Amino acid sequence: MKHIVRILDIQQVTHNVKSFRIEKPSGYTFIPGQATDVSVNKPGWEKEKRPFTFTSLNEYPYLEFTIKRYESHNGVTNQIHQLKEGDELVIRDIWGAIEYKGPGYFIAGGAGITPFIAILRQLHKDGRLNDNKLIFSNKTAIDIIYETELTAMLGGNVLNILSEENSGEYMHGRIDADFIKKEITDFKKHFYVCGPDKMITDVSGILTGMGASADAVVFEK
């Protein structure tokens, strides 16, 4: 089913990421971590669908997406970033494979953090975040999405690692086997992995190779 919804508010999150709060259709509910297919309600763009995860909580009176702009081609994210309050999006049915199953490690690369935002916000609200850890990989410090909020929620349980910047303020490198061996102590916990396809494949393979149960490694299929 399709819903045409107006944009209520737009906020700049990082240099190339914005959050979009939009109207919430009556009876439209989701589980934190789920997504829908979105298109721009303008001629020529209504059928150009892209998946975006809800970053709002289900109880909010609006829906929220946190969307990174990819400027290398004139695609849907470029179009969405040009929209203003009052413009319209088309959203559809809800889907998604990333769902919280219990305490563990959230491992995100870049915009791959978005399926985790609503999950972490809900756990924080419910007082159930303590036994979880976030490992968040980005190219540079200005790419870190919601850094202040994530640090406020997780405190010392968030590790930011930068691949293209080595200032001494953040960890430097990549989420590879050596990093995982050093930073992860309990492979019996759940693992939630989201980011570029190659990262998901590589990290999931490393985790299972080090003893994590394949059933305990959750990622978007």
N, C-alpha and C. Protein backbone atom coordinates (compact mmCIF):
# COMPACT_ATOMS: atom_id res chain seq x y z
N MET A 1 0.84 -1.20 0.00
CA MET A 1 0.00 0.00 0.00
C MET A 1 0.88 1.25 0.00
N LYS A 2 0.47 2.25 -0.78
CA LYS A 2 1.23 3.50 -0.85
C LYS A 2 0.57 4.59 -0.01
N HIS A 3 1.41 5.41 0.62
CA HIS A 3 0.93 6.58 1.36
C HIS A 3 1.70 7.80 0.88
N ILE A 4 0.99 8.86 0.55
CA ILE A 4 1.64 10.13 0.21
C ILE A 4 1.67 10.98 1.48
N VAL A 5 2.86 11.39 1.91
CA VAL A 5 3.03 12.09 3.19
C VAL A 5 3.84 13.37 2.99
N ARG A 6 3.50 14.39 3.77
CA ARG A 6 4.21 15.67 3.70
C ARG A 6 5.42 15.67 4.62
N ILE A 7 6.46 16.39 4.23
CA ILE A 7 7.62 16.60 5.09
C ILE A 7 7.28 17.71 6.08
N LEU A 8 7.45 17.43 7.37
CA LEU A 8 7.12 18.38 8.44
C LEU A 8 8.33 19.20 8.88
N ASP A 9 9.51 18.58 8.85
CA ASP A 9 10.70 19.25 9.38
C ASP A 9 11.94 18.60 8.79
N ILE A 10 12.97 19.41 8.52
CA ILE A 10 14.24 18.92 8.00
C ILE A 10 15.37 19.49 8.84
N GLN A 11 16.28 18.63 9.28
CA GLN A 11 17.43 19.07 10.07
C GLN A 11 18.72 18.55 9.45
N GLN A 12 19.76 19.39 9.45
CA GLN A 12 21.08 18.96 8.98
C GLN A 12 21.75 18.19 10.10
N VAL A 13 22.19 16.96 9.83
CA VAL A 13 22.80 16.11 10.85
C VAL A 13 24.32 16.14 10.72
N THR A 14 24.83 15.92 9.50
CA THR A 14 26.25 16.09 9.20
C THR A 14 26.33 16.85 7.88
N HIS A 15 27.55 16.98 7.34
CA HIS A 15 27.71 17.73 6.09
C HIS A 15 26.94 17.12 4.93
N ASN A 16 26.65 15.80 4.96
CA ASN A 16 25.93 15.18 3.86
C ASN A 16 24.79 14.27 4.33
N VAL A 17 24.31 14.50 5.56
CA VAL A 17 23.20 13.73 6.12
C VAL A 17 22.15 14.69 6.68
N LYS A 18 20.88 14.42 6.36
CA LYS A 18 19.77 15.19 6.91
C LYS A 18 18.75 14.24 7.53
N SER A 19 18.02 14.75 8.53
CA SER A 19 16.88 13.99 9.05
C SER A 19 15.60 14.64 8.52
N PHE A 20 14.66 13.80 8.14
CA PHE A 20 13.39 14.25 7.59
C PHE A 20 12.26 13.70 8.46
N ARG A 21 11.51 14.59 9.09
CA ARG A 21 10.34 14.17 9.85
C ARG A 21 9.12 14.37 8.95
N ILE A 22 8.32 13.31 8.84
CA ILE A 22 7.21 13.33 7.90
C ILE A 22 5.92 12.89 8.60
N GLU A 23 4.81 13.15 7.92
CA GLU A 23 3.51 12.73 8.45
C GLU A 23 3.48 11.21 8.65
N LYS A 24 2.76 10.80 9.69
CA LYS A 24 2.62 9.37 9.99
C LYS A 24 1.20 8.93 9.67
N PRO A 25 1.02 8.04 8.69
CA PRO A 25 -0.33 7.58 8.36
C PRO A 25 -0.98 6.89 9.57
N SER A 26 -2.29 6.98 9.66
CA SER A 26 -3.03 6.36 10.75
C SER A 26 -2.81 4.85 10.74
N GLY A 27 -2.47 4.30 11.91
CA GLY A 27 -2.29 2.86 12.05
C GLY A 27 -0.99 2.33 11.50
N TYR A 28 -0.07 3.21 11.15
CA TYR A 28 1.21 2.81 10.54
C TYR A 28 2.20 2.53 11.67
N THR A 29 2.53 1.27 11.89
CA THR A 29 3.42 0.91 13.00
C THR A 29 4.57 0.06 12.50
N PHE A 30 5.69 0.11 13.22
CA PHE A 30 6.88 -0.63 12.81
C PHE A 30 7.65 -1.08 14.05
N ILE A 31 8.57 -1.99 13.84
CA ILE A 31 9.48 -2.43 14.89
C ILE A 31 10.81 -1.71 14.68
N PRO A 32 11.45 -1.16 15.72
CA PRO A 32 12.74 -0.50 15.53
C PRO A 32 13.71 -1.38 14.74
N GLY A 33 14.30 -0.79 13.70
CA GLY A 33 15.17 -1.53 12.80
C GLY A 33 14.54 -1.79 11.44
N GLN A 34 13.21 -1.62 11.36
CA GLN A 34 12.53 -1.87 10.09
C GLN A 34 12.57 -0.65 9.17
N ALA A 35 12.22 -0.88 7.90
CA ALA A 35 12.35 0.14 6.86
C ALA A 35 11.13 0.13 5.95
N THR A 36 11.12 1.06 5.01
CA THR A 36 10.12 1.06 3.94
C THR A 36 10.77 1.59 2.67
N ASP A 37 10.13 1.36 1.55
CA ASP A 37 10.61 1.91 0.27
C ASP A 37 10.02 3.30 0.08
N VAL A 38 10.89 4.25 -0.26
CA VAL A 38 10.51 5.67 -0.34
C VAL A 38 10.80 6.20 -1.73
N SER A 39 9.90 7.05 -2.22
CA SER A 39 10.18 7.79 -3.45
C SER A 39 9.70 9.22 -3.28
N VAL A 40 10.15 10.09 -4.18
CA VAL A 40 9.79 11.51 -4.16
C VAL A 40 8.52 11.69 -4.97
N ASN A 41 7.54 12.37 -4.40
CA ASN A 41 6.26 12.55 -5.09
C ASN A 41 6.33 13.74 -6.06
N LYS A 42 7.16 13.56 -7.08
CA LYS A 42 7.30 14.56 -8.14
C LYS A 42 7.35 13.84 -9.48
N PRO A 43 6.89 14.48 -10.56
CA PRO A 43 6.87 13.83 -11.87
C PRO A 43 8.23 13.25 -12.25
N GLY A 44 8.22 11.97 -12.64
CA GLY A 44 9.44 11.30 -13.04
C GLY A 44 10.16 10.59 -11.91
N TRP A 45 9.76 10.84 -10.67
CA TRP A 45 10.45 10.25 -9.52
C TRP A 45 9.56 9.35 -8.67
N GLU A 46 8.25 9.30 -8.95
CA GLU A 46 7.33 8.55 -8.08
C GLU A 46 7.64 7.05 -8.03
N LYS A 47 8.23 6.51 -9.08
CA LYS A 47 8.49 5.07 -9.12
C LYS A 47 9.94 4.71 -8.81
N GLU A 48 10.77 5.73 -8.56
CA GLU A 48 12.17 5.50 -8.19
C GLU A 48 12.25 5.25 -6.69
N LYS A 49 12.19 3.99 -6.30
CA LYS A 49 12.12 3.62 -4.88
C LYS A 49 13.50 3.32 -4.30
N ARG A 50 13.70 3.75 -3.06
CA ARG A 50 14.91 3.39 -2.32
C ARG A 50 14.51 3.03 -0.88
N PRO A 51 15.20 2.06 -0.26
CA PRO A 51 14.85 1.68 1.11
C PRO A 51 15.49 2.61 2.14
N PHE A 52 14.69 3.04 3.10
CA PHE A 52 15.20 3.83 4.22
C PHE A 52 14.60 3.31 5.52
N THR A 53 15.44 3.30 6.55
CA THR A 53 15.03 2.81 7.87
C THR A 53 14.42 3.94 8.69
N PHE A 54 13.41 3.62 9.46
CA PHE A 54 12.83 4.62 10.38
C PHE A 54 13.82 4.87 11.52
N THR A 55 14.11 6.13 11.80
CA THR A 55 14.98 6.43 12.94
C THR A 55 14.19 7.03 14.11
N SER A 56 12.90 7.22 13.91
CA SER A 56 12.02 7.65 15.00
C SER A 56 11.61 6.44 15.83
N LEU A 57 10.98 6.68 16.96
CA LEU A 57 10.38 5.61 17.74
C LEU A 57 8.92 5.46 17.31
N ASN A 58 8.39 4.28 17.52
CA ASN A 58 7.03 3.98 17.08
C ASN A 58 5.99 4.88 17.75
N GLU A 59 6.28 5.34 18.96
CA GLU A 59 5.29 6.13 19.72
C GLU A 59 5.24 7.59 19.26
N TYR A 60 6.23 8.03 18.46
CA TYR A 60 6.24 9.42 18.02
C TYR A 60 5.06 9.68 17.08
N PRO A 61 4.55 10.92 17.06
CA PRO A 61 3.42 11.24 16.18
C PRO A 61 3.84 11.46 14.73
N TYR A 62 5.13 11.33 14.45
CA TYR A 62 5.65 11.50 13.09
C TYR A 62 6.59 10.33 12.79
N LEU A 63 6.95 10.19 11.52
CA LEU A 63 8.00 9.26 11.10
C LEU A 63 9.26 10.07 10.83
N GLU A 64 10.41 9.44 10.99
CA GLU A 64 11.68 10.12 10.70
C GLU A 64 12.60 9.20 9.92
N PHE A 65 13.24 9.76 8.90
CA PHE A 65 14.31 9.09 8.19
C PHE A 65 15.58 9.92 8.34
N THR A 66 16.71 9.27 8.46
CA THR A 66 18.00 9.95 8.49
C THR A 66 18.75 9.50 7.24
N ILE A 67 18.95 10.42 6.29
CA ILE A 67 19.35 10.04 4.93
C ILE A 67 20.65 10.71 4.52
N LYS A 68 21.57 9.87 4.07
CA LYS A 68 22.84 10.36 3.54
C LYS A 68 22.70 10.67 2.06
N ARG A 69 23.30 11.78 1.63
CA ARG A 69 23.25 12.18 0.23
C ARG A 69 24.46 11.61 -0.52
N TYR A 70 24.18 10.95 -1.63
CA TYR A 70 25.24 10.45 -2.50
C TYR A 70 25.27 11.32 -3.75
N GLU A 71 26.29 12.14 -3.85
CA GLU A 71 26.34 13.17 -4.90
C GLU A 71 26.94 12.69 -6.20
N SER A 72 27.44 11.46 -6.22
CA SER A 72 28.14 10.98 -7.42
C SER A 72 27.21 10.79 -8.61
N HIS A 73 25.93 10.64 -8.36
CA HIS A 73 24.97 10.56 -9.46
C HIS A 73 23.66 11.19 -9.01
N ASN A 74 22.87 11.62 -9.97
CA ASN A 74 21.63 12.32 -9.65
C ASN A 74 20.53 11.32 -9.32
N GLY A 75 20.64 10.71 -8.13
CA GLY A 75 19.69 9.68 -7.72
C GLY A 75 18.68 10.19 -6.71
N VAL A 76 18.03 9.23 -6.06
CA VAL A 76 16.94 9.55 -5.14
C VAL A 76 17.43 10.35 -3.94
N THR A 77 18.59 9.99 -3.37
CA THR A 77 19.04 10.74 -2.18
C THR A 77 19.34 12.20 -2.54
N ASN A 78 19.88 12.44 -3.73
CA ASN A 78 20.10 13.81 -4.18
C ASN A 78 18.79 14.57 -4.28
N GLN A 79 17.78 13.92 -4.83
CA GLN A 79 16.47 14.55 -4.96
C GLN A 79 15.86 14.85 -3.59
N ILE A 80 15.95 13.88 -2.68
CA ILE A 80 15.36 14.07 -1.34
C ILE A 80 16.04 15.23 -0.62
N HIS A 81 17.36 15.34 -0.76
CA HIS A 81 18.10 16.41 -0.07
C HIS A 81 17.75 17.80 -0.61
N GLN A 82 17.13 17.87 -1.79
CA GLN A 82 16.72 19.16 -2.34
C GLN A 82 15.31 19.56 -1.91
N LEU A 83 14.59 18.64 -1.24
CA LEU A 83 13.21 18.92 -0.85
C LEU A 83 13.16 19.90 0.32
N LYS A 84 11.98 20.50 0.47
CA LYS A 84 11.73 21.47 1.55
C LYS A 84 10.52 21.02 2.35
N GLU A 85 10.34 21.64 3.52
CA GLU A 85 9.14 21.37 4.31
C GLU A 85 7.90 21.61 3.46
N GLY A 86 6.94 20.70 3.55
CA GLY A 86 5.73 20.80 2.75
C GLY A 86 5.76 19.95 1.50
N ASP A 87 6.96 19.61 1.02
CA ASP A 87 7.06 18.69 -0.12
C ASP A 87 6.63 17.29 0.32
N GLU A 88 6.41 16.43 -0.66
CA GLU A 88 5.82 15.12 -0.36
C GLU A 88 6.73 13.96 -0.75
N LEU A 89 6.63 12.90 0.06
CA LEU A 89 7.26 11.62 -0.23
C LEU A 89 6.18 10.56 -0.36
N VAL A 90 6.52 9.45 -1.03
CA VAL A 90 5.64 8.29 -1.08
C VAL A 90 6.31 7.18 -0.27
N ILE A 91 5.58 6.65 0.71
CA ILE A 91 6.10 5.52 1.49
C ILE A 91 5.19 4.32 1.28
N ARG A 92 5.72 3.15 1.59
CA ARG A 92 4.99 1.91 1.28
C ARG A 92 4.95 0.99 2.49
N ASP A 93 4.75 -0.30 2.25
CA ASP A 93 4.66 -1.25 3.35
C ASP A 93 6.00 -1.38 4.08
N ILE A 94 5.94 -1.89 5.29
CA ILE A 94 7.10 -1.97 6.18
C ILE A 94 7.76 -3.34 6.03
N TRP A 95 9.09 -3.35 6.05
CA TRP A 95 9.84 -4.61 5.99
C TRP A 95 11.16 -4.42 6.74
N GLY A 96 11.91 -5.50 6.89
CA GLY A 96 13.22 -5.38 7.53
C GLY A 96 13.60 -6.61 8.30
N ALA A 97 14.91 -6.92 8.27
CA ALA A 97 15.41 -8.13 8.93
C ALA A 97 16.19 -7.82 10.20
N ILE A 98 16.51 -6.55 10.42
CA ILE A 98 17.30 -6.22 11.61
C ILE A 98 16.36 -5.91 12.77
N GLU A 99 16.37 -6.80 13.75
CA GLU A 99 15.49 -6.64 14.92
C GLU A 99 16.30 -7.01 16.16
N TYR A 100 16.08 -6.28 17.24
CA TYR A 100 16.82 -6.54 18.47
C TYR A 100 16.44 -7.88 19.06
N LYS A 101 17.43 -8.72 19.33
CA LYS A 101 17.19 -10.05 19.86
C LYS A 101 17.80 -10.26 21.24
N GLY A 102 18.58 -9.26 21.69
CA GLY A 102 19.21 -9.38 23.00
C GLY A 102 20.52 -8.63 23.02
N PRO A 103 21.13 -8.46 24.20
CA PRO A 103 22.35 -7.68 24.34
C PRO A 103 23.47 -8.17 23.43
N GLY A 104 24.26 -7.21 22.93
CA GLY A 104 25.37 -7.60 22.08
C GLY A 104 26.12 -6.42 21.52
N TYR A 105 26.71 -6.64 20.38
CA TYR A 105 27.55 -5.65 19.71
C TYR A 105 26.87 -5.16 18.43
N PHE A 106 26.73 -3.85 18.32
CA PHE A 106 26.25 -3.23 17.08
C PHE A 106 27.48 -2.76 16.30
N ILE A 107 27.63 -3.24 15.08
CA ILE A 107 28.80 -2.90 14.26
C ILE A 107 28.29 -2.22 12.99
N ALA A 108 28.62 -0.93 12.85
CA ALA A 108 28.05 -0.14 11.75
C ALA A 108 29.15 0.53 10.94
N GLY A 109 28.91 0.63 9.65
CA GLY A 109 29.80 1.38 8.76
C GLY A 109 29.04 2.50 8.09
N GLY A 110 29.42 3.76 8.36
CA GLY A 110 28.80 4.92 7.72
C GLY A 110 27.30 4.98 7.94
N ALA A 111 26.55 5.14 6.83
CA ALA A 111 25.09 5.24 6.92
C ALA A 111 24.45 3.94 7.37
N GLY A 112 25.25 2.87 7.51
CA GLY A 112 24.75 1.62 8.06
C GLY A 112 24.32 1.73 9.51
N ILE A 113 24.59 2.86 10.13
CA ILE A 113 24.11 3.09 11.50
C ILE A 113 22.60 3.25 11.55
N THR A 114 21.98 3.63 10.43
CA THR A 114 20.57 4.04 10.49
C THR A 114 19.61 2.95 11.01
N PRO A 115 19.76 1.67 10.67
CA PRO A 115 18.84 0.69 11.25
C PRO A 115 19.00 0.54 12.76
N PHE A 116 20.16 0.96 13.28
CA PHE A 116 20.41 0.81 14.72
C PHE A 116 19.90 1.99 15.54
N ILE A 117 19.65 3.13 14.90
CA ILE A 117 19.32 4.34 15.66
C ILE A 117 18.03 4.17 16.46
N ALA A 118 16.96 3.70 15.80
CA ALA A 118 15.70 3.52 16.52
C ALA A 118 15.83 2.44 17.59
N ILE A 119 16.60 1.38 17.28
CA ILE A 119 16.80 0.31 18.27
C ILE A 119 17.50 0.86 19.51
N LEU A 120 18.58 1.61 19.31
CA LEU A 120 19.33 2.16 20.44
C LEU A 120 18.50 3.19 21.20
N ARG A 121 17.76 4.02 20.48
CA ARG A 121 16.90 5.01 21.15
C ARG A 121 15.84 4.33 22.01
N GLN A 122 15.25 3.24 21.49
CA GLN A 122 14.22 2.53 22.24
C GLN A 122 14.82 1.85 23.47
N LEU A 123 15.96 1.21 23.31
CA LEU A 123 16.63 0.57 24.45
C LEU A 123 16.99 1.60 25.52
N HIS A 124 17.47 2.75 25.08
CA HIS A 124 17.83 3.82 26.02
C HIS A 124 16.59 4.29 26.78
N LYS A 125 15.50 4.49 26.07
CA LYS A 125 14.26 4.93 26.71
C LYS A 125 13.77 3.90 27.73
N ASP A 126 13.96 2.62 27.40
CA ASP A 126 13.47 1.54 28.26
C ASP A 126 14.46 1.16 29.35
N GLY A 127 15.63 1.83 29.38
CA GLY A 127 16.65 1.51 30.38
C GLY A 127 17.31 0.16 30.17
N ARG A 128 17.42 -0.28 28.90
CA ARG A 128 17.95 -1.62 28.60
C ARG A 128 19.20 -1.56 27.73
N LEU A 129 19.89 -0.42 27.72
CA LEU A 129 21.01 -0.23 26.80
C LEU A 129 22.36 -0.65 27.39
N ASN A 130 22.40 -0.81 28.71
CA ASN A 130 23.69 -0.97 29.40
C ASN A 130 24.58 -2.07 28.87
N ASP A 131 24.02 -3.20 28.51
CA ASP A 131 24.84 -4.37 28.15
C ASP A 131 25.08 -4.47 26.65
N ASN A 132 25.02 -3.32 25.96
CA ASN A 132 25.24 -3.28 24.52
C ASN A 132 26.42 -2.36 24.20
N LYS A 133 27.10 -2.65 23.10
CA LYS A 133 28.25 -1.85 22.68
C LYS A 133 28.11 -1.52 21.20
N LEU A 134 28.46 -0.28 20.83
CA LEU A 134 28.43 0.14 19.43
C LEU A 134 29.85 0.36 18.92
N ILE A 135 30.17 -0.28 17.79
CA ILE A 135 31.42 -0.04 17.08
C ILE A 135 31.05 0.61 15.76
N PHE A 136 31.50 1.86 15.56
CA PHE A 136 31.01 2.68 14.44
C PHE A 136 32.19 3.14 13.60
N SER A 137 32.24 2.68 12.36
CA SER A 137 33.33 3.01 11.45
C SER A 137 32.91 4.09 10.46
N ASN A 138 33.76 5.11 10.31
CA ASN A 138 33.54 6.18 9.34
C ASN A 138 34.87 6.55 8.69
N LYS A 139 34.80 7.33 7.62
CA LYS A 139 36.04 7.79 6.98
C LYS A 139 36.72 8.86 7.82
N THR A 140 35.95 9.92 8.20
CA THR A 140 36.52 11.02 8.98
C THR A 140 35.54 11.41 10.09
N ALA A 141 36.00 12.27 11.00
CA ALA A 141 35.18 12.65 12.15
C ALA A 141 33.90 13.37 11.74
N ILE A 142 33.95 14.16 10.66
CA ILE A 142 32.75 14.91 10.28
C ILE A 142 31.68 14.00 9.67
N ASP A 143 32.02 12.74 9.43
CA ASP A 143 31.05 11.79 8.88
C ASP A 143 30.24 11.08 9.96
N ILE A 144 30.60 11.25 11.23
CA ILE A 144 29.94 10.49 12.30
C ILE A 144 28.52 11.01 12.53
N ILE A 145 27.54 10.18 12.25
CA ILE A 145 26.13 10.54 12.37
C ILE A 145 25.69 10.46 13.84
N TYR A 146 25.03 11.52 14.32
CA TYR A 146 24.50 11.57 15.69
C TYR A 146 25.56 11.25 16.76
N GLU A 147 26.76 11.76 16.56
CA GLU A 147 27.84 11.44 17.50
C GLU A 147 27.50 11.86 18.93
N THR A 148 27.00 13.08 19.10
CA THR A 148 26.70 13.59 20.45
C THR A 148 25.64 12.74 21.13
N GLU A 149 24.57 12.40 20.40
CA GLU A 149 23.48 11.62 20.98
C GLU A 149 23.94 10.20 21.31
N LEU A 150 24.67 9.58 20.40
CA LEU A 150 25.12 8.21 20.65
C LEU A 150 26.06 8.14 21.85
N THR A 151 26.94 9.15 21.97
CA THR A 151 27.85 9.19 23.12
C THR A 151 27.08 9.41 24.41
N ALA A 152 26.06 10.27 24.36
CA ALA A 152 25.23 10.53 25.55
C ALA A 152 24.50 9.26 25.99
N MET A 153 24.05 8.48 25.04
CA MET A 153 23.30 7.26 25.38
C MET A 153 24.22 6.13 25.83
N LEU A 154 25.33 5.95 25.13
CA LEU A 154 26.17 4.77 25.33
C LEU A 154 27.40 5.01 26.19
N GLY A 155 27.82 6.28 26.32
CA GLY A 155 29.01 6.59 27.11
C GLY A 155 30.23 5.86 26.57
N GLY A 156 30.91 5.14 27.44
CA GLY A 156 32.11 4.41 27.05
C GLY A 156 31.84 3.18 26.20
N ASN A 157 30.57 2.86 25.98
CA ASN A 157 30.23 1.69 25.17
C ASN A 157 30.05 2.02 23.69
N VAL A 158 30.61 3.15 23.25
CA VAL A 158 30.65 3.44 21.82
C VAL A 158 32.11 3.63 21.42
N LEU A 159 32.51 2.93 20.37
CA LEU A 159 33.86 3.05 19.83
C LEU A 159 33.77 3.62 18.42
N ASN A 160 34.34 4.79 18.19
CA ASN A 160 34.39 5.38 16.85
C ASN A 160 35.76 5.10 16.25
N ILE A 161 35.76 4.51 15.06
CA ILE A 161 37.01 4.21 14.37
C ILE A 161 36.98 4.87 12.99
N LEU A 162 38.05 5.58 12.66
CA LEU A 162 38.12 6.33 11.41
C LEU A 162 39.16 5.70 10.48
N SER A 163 38.78 5.52 9.22
CA SER A 163 39.68 4.85 8.27
C SER A 163 40.60 5.82 7.54
N GLU A 164 40.18 7.10 7.41
CA GLU A 164 40.96 8.04 6.60
C GLU A 164 41.47 9.24 7.39
N GLU A 165 41.38 9.18 8.70
CA GLU A 165 41.82 10.31 9.53
C GLU A 165 42.47 9.76 10.79
N ASN A 166 43.60 10.30 11.14
CA ASN A 166 44.32 9.82 12.33
C ASN A 166 44.75 11.02 13.17
N SER A 167 43.80 11.54 13.96
CA SER A 167 44.05 12.75 14.74
C SER A 167 44.49 12.43 16.16
N GLY A 168 44.33 11.19 16.57
CA GLY A 168 44.63 10.81 17.94
C GLY A 168 43.42 10.89 18.84
N GLU A 169 42.38 11.60 18.40
CA GLU A 169 41.16 11.74 19.20
C GLU A 169 40.27 10.51 19.09
N TYR A 170 40.32 9.84 17.93
CA TYR A 170 39.50 8.65 17.68
C TYR A 170 40.43 7.49 17.33
N MET A 171 39.88 6.30 17.39
CA MET A 171 40.64 5.13 16.93
C MET A 171 40.83 5.25 15.41
N HIS A 172 41.94 4.69 14.93
CA HIS A 172 42.24 4.76 13.49
C HIS A 172 42.42 3.36 12.93
N GLY A 173 41.80 3.11 11.77
CA GLY A 173 41.94 1.81 11.14
C GLY A 173 40.62 1.32 10.58
N ARG A 174 40.50 0.02 10.49
CA ARG A 174 39.29 -0.60 9.95
C ARG A 174 38.81 -1.70 10.88
N ILE A 175 37.56 -2.09 10.72
CA ILE A 175 37.01 -3.19 11.52
C ILE A 175 37.42 -4.49 10.85
N ASP A 176 38.64 -4.93 11.15
CA ASP A 176 39.16 -6.16 10.56
C ASP A 176 39.34 -7.21 11.66
N ALA A 177 39.96 -8.32 11.31
CA ALA A 177 40.09 -9.42 12.28
C ALA A 177 40.89 -9.01 13.51
N ASP A 178 41.97 -8.26 13.31
CA ASP A 178 42.78 -7.83 14.46
C ASP A 178 41.99 -6.93 15.39
N PHE A 179 41.23 -5.99 14.80
CA PHE A 179 40.42 -5.08 15.61
C PHE A 179 39.36 -5.85 16.40
N ILE A 180 38.65 -6.75 15.73
CA ILE A 180 37.59 -7.52 16.38
C ILE A 180 38.16 -8.38 17.50
N LYS A 181 39.30 -8.99 17.27
CA LYS A 181 39.94 -9.84 18.29
C LYS A 181 40.30 -9.03 19.52
N LYS A 182 40.69 -7.78 19.30
CA LYS A 182 41.11 -6.92 20.41
C LYS A 182 39.91 -6.34 21.17
N GLU A 183 38.86 -5.95 20.46
CA GLU A 183 37.77 -5.19 21.08
C GLU A 183 36.57 -6.02 21.51
N ILE A 184 36.42 -7.23 20.99
CA ILE A 184 35.25 -8.05 21.33
C ILE A 184 35.70 -9.20 22.21
N THR A 185 35.06 -9.30 23.36
CA THR A 185 35.49 -10.28 24.37
C THR A 185 34.52 -11.45 24.50
N ASP A 186 33.28 -11.27 24.09
CA ASP A 186 32.28 -12.32 24.30
C ASP A 186 31.59 -12.65 22.98
N PHE A 187 31.99 -13.75 22.37
CA PHE A 187 31.43 -14.14 21.08
C PHE A 187 30.14 -14.94 21.21
N LYS A 188 29.64 -15.06 22.45
CA LYS A 188 28.35 -15.72 22.66
C LYS A 188 27.19 -14.72 22.58
N LYS A 189 27.50 -13.44 22.52
CA LYS A 189 26.45 -12.41 22.46
C LYS A 189 25.90 -12.30 21.03
N HIS A 190 24.89 -11.45 20.90
CA HIS A 190 24.34 -11.16 19.58
C HIS A 190 25.23 -10.14 18.88
N PHE A 191 25.25 -10.20 17.56
CA PHE A 191 25.97 -9.23 16.74
C PHE A 191 25.02 -8.66 15.70
N TYR A 192 24.99 -7.34 15.60
CA TYR A 192 24.15 -6.65 14.63
C TYR A 192 25.08 -5.89 13.69
N VAL A 193 25.06 -6.23 12.41
CA VAL A 193 26.04 -5.70 11.47
C VAL A 193 25.33 -5.01 10.31
N CYS A 194 25.71 -3.77 10.03
CA CYS A 194 25.12 -3.07 8.89
C CYS A 194 26.11 -2.05 8.33
N GLY A 195 26.20 -1.99 7.01
CA GLY A 195 27.11 -1.08 6.33
C GLY A 195 27.20 -1.49 4.87
N PRO A 196 28.25 -1.10 4.18
CA PRO A 196 28.43 -1.53 2.78
C PRO A 196 28.44 -3.06 2.69
N ASP A 197 28.00 -3.59 1.54
CA ASP A 197 27.86 -5.05 1.37
C ASP A 197 29.15 -5.80 1.71
N LYS A 198 30.28 -5.28 1.23
CA LYS A 198 31.56 -5.98 1.47
C LYS A 198 31.88 -6.01 2.96
N MET A 199 31.60 -4.91 3.65
CA MET A 199 31.86 -4.87 5.09
C MET A 199 31.01 -5.91 5.82
N ILE A 200 29.73 -6.00 5.45
CA ILE A 200 28.84 -6.98 6.09
C ILE A 200 29.37 -8.39 5.89
N THR A 201 29.75 -8.70 4.65
CA THR A 201 30.28 -10.04 4.34
C THR A 201 31.55 -10.33 5.11
N ASP A 202 32.47 -9.35 5.09
CA ASP A 202 33.77 -9.55 5.76
C ASP A 202 33.61 -9.70 7.27
N VAL A 203 32.87 -8.78 7.88
CA VAL A 203 32.73 -8.78 9.34
C VAL A 203 31.95 -10.03 9.80
N SER A 204 30.89 -10.38 9.07
CA SER A 204 30.12 -11.57 9.45
C SER A 204 30.99 -12.82 9.39
N GLY A 205 31.83 -12.90 8.36
CA GLY A 205 32.74 -14.05 8.22
C GLY A 205 33.76 -14.11 9.34
N ILE A 206 34.30 -12.95 9.71
CA ILE A 206 35.28 -12.90 10.81
C ILE A 206 34.62 -13.34 12.12
N LEU A 207 33.43 -12.82 12.38
CA LEU A 207 32.74 -13.14 13.64
C LEU A 207 32.45 -14.63 13.76
N THR A 208 31.90 -15.23 12.70
CA THR A 208 31.59 -16.66 12.78
C THR A 208 32.89 -17.48 12.86
N GLY A 209 33.94 -16.99 12.19
CA GLY A 209 35.23 -17.67 12.25
C GLY A 209 35.84 -17.65 13.64
N MET A 210 35.45 -16.63 14.45
CA MET A 210 35.99 -16.51 15.80
C MET A 210 35.06 -17.11 16.86
N GLY A 211 33.99 -17.75 16.40
CA GLY A 211 33.16 -18.48 17.35
C GLY A 211 31.74 -17.99 17.52
N ALA A 212 31.38 -16.88 16.87
CA ALA A 212 30.00 -16.40 16.98
C ALA A 212 29.07 -17.36 16.24
N SER A 213 27.91 -17.62 16.81
CA SER A 213 26.92 -18.46 16.14
C SER A 213 26.36 -17.71 14.94
N ALA A 214 26.23 -18.40 13.81
CA ALA A 214 25.69 -17.77 12.60
C ALA A 214 24.30 -17.20 12.88
N ASP A 215 23.53 -17.88 13.74
CA ASP A 215 22.17 -17.42 14.07
C ASP A 215 22.20 -16.15 14.90
N ALA A 216 23.32 -15.86 15.55
CA ALA A 216 23.42 -14.68 16.42
C ALA A 216 23.96 -13.46 15.69
N VAL A 217 24.34 -13.62 14.41
CA VAL A 217 24.82 -12.50 13.61
C VAL A 217 23.66 -12.01 12.75
N VAL A 218 23.15 -10.82 13.08
CA VAL A 218 21.96 -10.28 12.42
C VAL A 218 22.37 -9.19 11.44
N PHE A 219 21.94 -9.30 10.20
CA PHE A 219 22.23 -8.25 9.22
C PHE A 219 21.11 -8.18 8.20
N GLU A 220 21.05 -7.08 7.47
CA GLU A 220 19.99 -6.89 6.48
C GLU A 220 20.24 -7.81 5.30
N LYS A 221 19.26 -8.61 4.94
CA LYS A 221 19.42 -9.57 3.84
C LYS A 221 18.82 -8.98 2.57
